[in-house]
Amino acid sequence: MTRRWHFPGRYSQILLVVVVLLALSVAGCGVFKTRGTTTTGSTPGTSIPFDNKAGRVIVQLFSSPGFIFPPINGVPDWTLYGDGTLLFKSAANAQLLQTQLSPDEVQHILDVIVNQNSFFSSTQNSYGLAVPDTGSLLLRVSANGQYKEINLFHEPTSPSDQQTQHVFAIKHFLLNYSLTRVQLYTPPGTVLLVIPGQGSSTGVPAWPYNDISLGQVAAQECSFLRFGTNSTCSLSTGGKSGLFPIYGKRGLELLQQWQSGSHIFVSQNGQSYRIIVWPLMPDALSPQADGSQGVLVQGEGAGRWPLLPGSRN
């Protein structure tokens, strides 16, 4: 004989309310776990917004030299631009290599930085152990409507705090990012840095381009290159001050002849000069808000140094 259970109407209503509340509670917990956002990150699984224009830096690692000459650097270690262009230094010979990332690859990189390692939640201007004369590594990120840059010094053996762990995890992720399709970066030209020398020009290789006056270039650049023998500016610049680019074939010849970033001596009209050559990066030719163009520099006088018209012969 089957027994049937009967509940009075009032108890049936109470039971129904309890069941509904339990169902809503479970559903609410599920939604919270799935979405899990933070105040400085973005929702995992959603696109992280950024400026997708060519020449716009969205992620960059940029070494600042320590106690070495020259105390400046204009060639970043790793740069991701808004159009997916990635430039990075080869671990073998420091040559600049280039590749093109897909939108999904860019989003993966930003997800690792913004969401997984909470870069915009970091609260310090620098991390790691500052070791005298060894320089640092600047990490800058512009994405998700935010911009932040921090300096990374020597990495602790066993970092105890989570923020330090996160920022160095980002560094290692970027420098070890796996790429299968790369090619040498061919810049549109080079930046020529000129510092007057004090020694004799005897036996010093001659500067090969007579239409480019090294003395005039040095005068235009001396307010930025104020170190070594160039601590004062005594030559007239005609009102122009900035870095001197050499575009096209001659610029590439300079890079092939002299290693990027190294300094050598050349002579012109009986005067010796110390010159440094940098490849022009895409952002140097990308106009800023005021229409100007400039070269990002780390080290002494760090910032964006203005770019002069230069030579296009």
Protein backbone atom coordinates (compact mmCIF):
# COMPACT_ATOMS: atom_id res chain seq x y z
CA MET A 1 0.00 0.00 0.00
CA THR A 2 1.52 3.33 -1.05
CA ARG A 3 1.41 6.09 1.52
CA ARG A 4 0.92 9.61 0.21
CA TRP A 5 2.33 12.57 2.13
CA HIS A 6 0.24 15.66 2.39
CA PHE A 7 1.52 19.10 3.53
CA PRO A 8 -0.76 21.84 4.66
CA GLY A 9 -0.86 24.76 2.22
CA ARG A 10 1.19 27.07 4.43
CA TYR A 11 4.11 24.59 4.72
CA SER A 12 4.09 24.01 0.96
CA GLN A 13 4.55 27.74 0.36
CA ILE A 14 7.44 27.95 2.84
CA LEU A 15 9.18 24.96 1.22
CA LEU A 16 8.82 26.52 -2.21
CA VAL A 17 10.38 29.80 -1.05
CA VAL A 18 13.36 27.94 0.51
CA VAL A 19 13.99 25.99 -2.72
CA VAL A 20 13.89 29.19 -4.83
CA LEU A 21 16.32 31.01 -2.49
CA LEU A 22 18.76 28.11 -2.58
CA ALA A 23 18.65 28.04 -6.38
CA LEU A 24 19.34 31.79 -6.62
CA SER A 25 22.23 31.49 -4.16
CA VAL A 26 23.92 28.73 -6.17
CA ALA A 27 23.43 30.62 -9.43
CA GLY A 28 24.85 33.81 -7.91
CA CYS A 29 27.99 31.99 -6.72
CA GLY A 30 28.50 30.57 -10.17
CA VAL A 31 28.33 34.01 -11.79
CA PHE A 32 30.81 35.49 -9.32
CA LYS A 33 33.37 32.76 -9.89
CA THR A 34 33.08 33.04 -13.66
CA ARG A 35 33.43 36.81 -13.94
CA GLY A 36 35.87 37.55 -11.10
CA THR A 37 37.05 41.07 -12.12
CA THR A 38 39.42 43.42 -10.31
CA THR A 39 39.45 47.19 -10.15
CA THR A 40 42.65 47.51 -12.22
CA GLY A 41 42.36 44.55 -14.57
CA SER A 42 39.79 43.47 -17.10
CA THR A 43 37.32 40.63 -17.27
CA PRO A 44 39.16 37.39 -18.12
CA GLY A 45 38.09 36.12 -21.50
CA THR A 46 37.27 39.59 -22.85
CA SER A 47 39.37 41.77 -25.14
CA ILE A 48 41.69 44.28 -23.48
CA PRO A 49 41.46 47.63 -25.33
CA PHE A 50 44.58 49.42 -26.58
CA ASP A 51 45.66 51.90 -29.25
CA ASN A 52 46.02 49.73 -32.35
CA LYS A 53 47.73 52.33 -34.55
CA ALA A 54 51.15 51.68 -36.08
CA GLY A 55 53.98 53.27 -34.12
CA ARG A 56 52.06 53.30 -30.81
CA VAL A 57 53.99 51.49 -28.07
CA ILE A 58 51.75 49.26 -25.96
CA VAL A 59 54.39 47.07 -24.23
CA GLN A 60 58.11 47.75 -23.94
CA LEU A 61 61.26 46.65 -22.16
CA PHE A 62 64.02 49.26 -22.36
CA SER A 63 67.46 48.96 -20.78
CA SER A 64 69.03 51.95 -19.08
CA PRO A 65 72.86 51.69 -19.08
CA GLY A 66 74.83 51.65 -15.88
CA PHE A 67 78.37 52.91 -15.42
CA ILE A 68 79.41 52.49 -19.05
CA PHE A 69 79.92 54.78 -22.03
CA PRO A 70 77.73 56.06 -23.54
CA PRO A 71 75.36 56.59 -20.60
CA ILE A 72 72.35 56.61 -22.94
CA ASN A 73 70.43 54.02 -24.94
CA GLY A 74 68.04 54.55 -27.84
CA VAL A 75 67.39 50.93 -28.85
CA PRO A 76 64.76 49.11 -26.73
CA ASP A 77 65.11 45.42 -25.89
CA TRP A 78 61.49 44.45 -26.67
CA THR A 79 58.70 46.56 -28.14
CA LEU A 80 55.14 45.63 -29.12
CA TYR A 81 53.27 48.20 -31.21
CA GLY A 82 49.53 48.66 -31.57
CA ASP A 83 49.42 47.19 -35.09
CA GLY A 84 50.98 43.93 -33.84
CA THR A 85 54.54 44.72 -34.93
CA LEU A 86 57.06 43.24 -32.50
CA LEU A 87 60.73 44.31 -32.46
CA PHE A 88 63.23 42.65 -30.13
CA LYS A 89 66.96 42.20 -29.72
CA SER A 90 68.45 38.87 -30.67
CA ALA A 91 69.96 37.07 -27.70
CA ALA A 92 72.87 35.97 -29.89
CA ASN A 93 74.16 39.29 -31.26
CA ALA A 94 71.72 42.02 -30.11
CA GLN A 95 70.53 42.58 -33.70
CA LEU A 96 66.98 43.88 -33.96
CA LEU A 97 64.54 41.27 -35.21
CA GLN A 98 60.96 41.81 -36.34
CA THR A 99 57.77 39.80 -36.54
CA GLN A 100 54.04 40.44 -36.91
CA LEU A 101 51.67 39.15 -34.24
CA SER A 102 48.02 38.32 -34.77
CA PRO A 103 45.28 40.07 -32.74
CA ASP A 104 44.88 36.88 -30.67
CA GLU A 105 48.60 36.81 -29.89
CA VAL A 106 48.52 40.45 -28.81
CA GLN A 107 45.54 39.75 -26.57
CA HIS A 108 47.33 36.78 -25.01
CA ILE A 109 50.32 38.97 -24.13
CA LEU A 110 48.09 41.64 -22.62
CA ASP A 111 46.12 39.02 -20.69
CA VAL A 112 49.33 37.69 -19.12
CA ILE A 113 50.39 41.22 -18.17
CA VAL A 114 47.10 42.83 -17.13
CA ASN A 115 45.07 39.91 -15.78
CA GLN A 116 47.37 37.06 -14.80
CA ASN A 117 50.10 39.25 -13.29
CA SER A 118 48.03 42.30 -12.30
CA PHE A 119 50.56 44.80 -13.65
CA PHE A 120 48.37 47.85 -13.09
CA SER A 121 47.91 46.84 -9.45
CA SER A 122 51.63 47.29 -8.74
CA THR A 123 52.19 50.17 -6.33
CA GLN A 124 55.95 50.84 -6.51
CA ASN A 125 58.03 52.77 -9.04
CA SER A 126 60.78 50.14 -8.98
CA TYR A 127 61.33 46.52 -7.97
CA GLY A 128 64.38 44.39 -7.29
CA LEU A 129 67.76 45.14 -5.77
CA ALA A 130 69.50 48.33 -6.93
CA VAL A 131 73.13 47.40 -7.62
CA PRO A 132 75.53 50.35 -8.19
CA ASP A 133 76.60 50.96 -11.80
CA THR A 134 74.53 48.13 -13.31
CA GLY A 135 71.61 50.09 -14.76
CA SER A 136 67.99 48.98 -14.85
CA LEU A 137 65.24 47.78 -17.17
CA LEU A 138 62.19 49.94 -17.80
CA LEU A 139 58.89 48.10 -18.25
CA ARG A 140 56.10 50.25 -19.71
CA VAL A 141 52.57 49.19 -20.63
CA SER A 142 49.78 51.21 -22.24
CA ALA A 143 46.51 49.26 -22.42
CA ASN A 144 43.06 48.92 -20.87
CA GLY A 145 42.80 52.71 -20.68
CA GLN A 146 45.84 52.91 -18.39
CA TYR A 147 49.55 53.69 -18.62
CA LYS A 148 52.24 52.66 -16.17
CA GLU A 149 56.00 52.29 -16.21
CA ILE A 150 58.28 50.78 -13.57
CA ASN A 151 62.02 50.12 -13.27
CA LEU A 152 63.30 46.61 -12.72
CA PHE A 153 66.65 46.20 -10.98
CA HIS A 154 68.51 43.00 -10.06
CA GLU A 155 65.96 40.24 -9.44
CA PRO A 156 65.95 38.86 -5.88
CA THR A 157 66.78 35.17 -5.56
CA SER A 158 63.55 34.44 -3.71
CA PRO A 159 61.16 37.40 -3.92
CA SER A 160 58.74 37.17 -1.03
CA ASP A 161 56.06 39.68 -1.99
CA GLN A 162 53.57 38.97 -4.75
CA GLN A 163 54.05 42.23 -6.65
CA THR A 164 57.77 41.56 -7.15
CA GLN A 165 56.99 38.04 -8.31
CA HIS A 166 54.46 39.35 -10.82
CA VAL A 167 56.60 42.08 -12.43
CA PHE A 168 59.59 39.78 -12.89
CA ALA A 169 57.28 37.07 -14.24
CA ILE A 170 56.18 39.61 -16.89
CA LYS A 171 59.82 40.36 -17.74
CA HIS A 172 60.67 36.67 -18.21
CA PHE A 173 57.51 36.03 -20.18
CA LEU A 174 58.31 38.79 -22.67
CA LEU A 175 62.00 38.00 -23.08
CA ASN A 176 61.25 34.30 -23.55
CA TYR A 177 58.20 34.77 -25.76
CA SER A 178 58.30 31.98 -28.34
CA LEU A 179 58.47 33.09 -31.99
CA THR A 180 58.85 30.99 -35.12
CA ARG A 181 58.70 33.56 -37.92
CA VAL A 182 61.18 36.41 -37.59
CA GLN A 183 63.32 38.54 -39.86
CA LEU A 184 65.93 41.26 -39.50
CA TYR A 185 64.46 44.69 -38.85
CA THR A 186 65.19 47.09 -41.71
CA PRO A 187 64.80 50.61 -40.31
CA PRO A 188 63.90 53.62 -42.48
CA GLY A 189 67.15 55.20 -41.37
CA THR A 190 69.49 55.78 -38.47
CA VAL A 191 70.08 58.37 -35.76
CA LEU A 192 73.60 59.84 -35.87
CA LEU A 193 74.94 61.05 -32.51
CA VAL A 194 78.09 63.18 -32.67
CA ILE A 195 80.39 64.26 -29.82
CA PRO A 196 83.54 66.31 -30.51
CA GLY A 197 86.76 64.49 -29.60
CA GLN A 198 89.80 66.03 -27.91
CA GLY A 199 92.48 63.76 -29.32
CA SER A 200 94.40 63.99 -32.57
CA SER A 201 92.67 63.04 -35.82
CA THR A 202 95.85 61.37 -37.12
CA GLY A 203 95.15 57.78 -38.09
CA VAL A 204 91.43 58.15 -37.37
CA PRO A 205 89.15 56.92 -40.22
CA ALA A 206 87.68 59.74 -42.30
CA TRP A 207 83.94 60.44 -42.16
CA PRO A 208 82.68 59.26 -45.60
CA TYR A 209 79.93 61.84 -46.21
CA ASN A 210 81.32 65.33 -46.86
CA ASP A 211 77.85 66.85 -47.29
CA ILE A 212 77.09 66.10 -43.62
CA SER A 213 79.05 68.40 -41.31
CA LEU A 214 79.83 66.56 -38.09
CA GLY A 215 80.64 69.86 -36.42
CA GLN A 216 77.16 71.20 -37.18
CA VAL A 217 75.48 67.96 -36.09
CA ALA A 218 77.45 68.05 -32.83
CA ALA A 219 76.32 71.63 -32.23
CA GLN A 220 72.65 70.71 -32.77
CA GLU A 221 72.89 67.72 -30.43
CA CYS A 222 75.17 68.95 -27.65
CA SER A 223 72.33 70.08 -25.37
CA PHE A 224 71.22 66.44 -25.21
CA LEU A 225 74.64 64.73 -25.25
CA ARG A 226 76.12 66.62 -22.33
CA PHE A 227 78.63 64.08 -21.08
CA GLY A 228 82.28 63.29 -21.64
CA THR A 229 83.97 66.00 -23.70
CA ASN A 230 80.64 67.54 -24.72
CA SER A 231 79.70 69.09 -21.37
CA THR A 232 79.32 72.59 -22.80
CA CYS A 233 77.72 73.90 -25.99
CA SER A 234 79.77 76.61 -27.62
CA LEU A 235 78.77 76.30 -31.29
CA SER A 236 75.82 78.11 -32.85
CA THR A 237 72.97 75.83 -33.86
CA GLY A 238 70.97 78.40 -35.83
CA GLY A 239 68.05 77.89 -33.47
CA LYS A 240 67.84 74.13 -34.11
CA SER A 241 68.39 71.52 -31.43
CA GLY A 242 67.70 67.79 -31.65
CA LEU A 243 68.97 64.48 -33.00
CA PHE A 244 70.15 64.09 -36.59
CA PRO A 245 68.64 61.22 -38.65
CA ILE A 246 70.10 59.81 -41.86
CA TYR A 247 67.44 58.10 -43.97
CA GLY A 248 67.65 55.52 -46.72
CA LYS A 249 70.69 53.71 -48.10
CA ARG A 250 73.32 55.74 -46.28
CA GLY A 251 71.64 55.18 -42.95
CA LEU A 252 71.68 51.42 -43.50
CA GLU A 253 75.33 51.59 -44.59
CA LEU A 254 76.19 53.18 -41.25
CA LEU A 255 74.45 50.41 -39.34
CA GLN A 256 76.22 47.74 -41.37
CA GLN A 257 79.61 49.39 -40.94
CA TRP A 258 79.36 50.18 -37.24
CA GLN A 259 77.45 48.16 -34.69
CA SER A 260 74.34 49.84 -33.31
CA GLY A 261 74.92 51.57 -29.99
CA SER A 262 78.72 51.30 -30.02
CA HIS A 263 80.89 54.40 -30.22
CA ILE A 264 83.77 54.92 -32.64
CA PHE A 265 86.06 57.76 -33.69
CA VAL A 266 86.05 59.38 -37.12
CA SER A 267 87.64 62.55 -38.45
CA GLN A 268 86.53 65.44 -40.63
CA ASN A 269 88.46 68.62 -41.53
CA GLY A 270 91.22 67.80 -39.06
CA GLN A 271 88.83 67.32 -36.12
CA SER A 272 88.08 64.00 -34.46
CA TYR A 273 84.56 63.05 -33.41
CA ARG A 274 83.04 60.24 -31.43
CA ILE A 275 79.91 58.94 -33.18
CA ILE A 276 77.10 56.60 -32.12
CA VAL A 277 74.54 55.12 -34.50
CA TRP A 278 71.02 53.94 -33.61
CA PRO A 279 68.39 52.43 -35.91
CA LEU A 280 65.23 54.53 -36.17
CA MET A 281 62.35 52.83 -34.38
CA PRO A 282 58.76 53.03 -35.71
CA ASP A 283 57.59 55.24 -32.84
CA ALA A 284 60.28 57.84 -33.63
CA LEU A 285 58.44 58.66 -36.86
CA SER A 286 54.96 58.50 -35.33
CA PRO A 287 53.81 62.10 -34.69
CA GLN A 288 53.00 62.99 -31.11
CA ALA A 289 49.93 64.99 -30.05
CA ASP A 290 51.69 68.25 -30.98
CA GLY A 291 52.81 66.89 -34.36
CA SER A 292 56.46 66.50 -33.32
CA GLN A 293 58.64 63.44 -33.85
CA GLY A 294 61.26 62.15 -31.45
CA VAL A 295 63.45 59.31 -30.25
CA LEU A 296 62.76 57.58 -26.93
CA VAL A 297 65.97 57.48 -24.89
CA GLN A 298 66.87 55.78 -21.62
CA GLY A 299 69.74 56.76 -19.36
CA GLU A 300 71.09 60.25 -18.80
CA GLY A 301 68.41 62.78 -19.73
CA ALA A 302 65.84 60.03 -20.41
CA GLY A 303 62.79 61.04 -22.40
CA ARG A 304 61.74 61.69 -25.98
CA TRP A 305 64.42 63.69 -27.77
CA PRO A 306 63.27 65.71 -30.80
CA LEU A 307 64.16 64.59 -34.29
CA LEU A 308 65.57 67.08 -36.81
CA PRO A 309 64.88 66.87 -40.59
CA GLY A 310 68.28 65.25 -41.12
CA SER A 311 69.61 63.92 -44.42
CA ARG A 312 67.62 62.09 -47.11
CA ASN A 313 70.26 61.89 -49.85
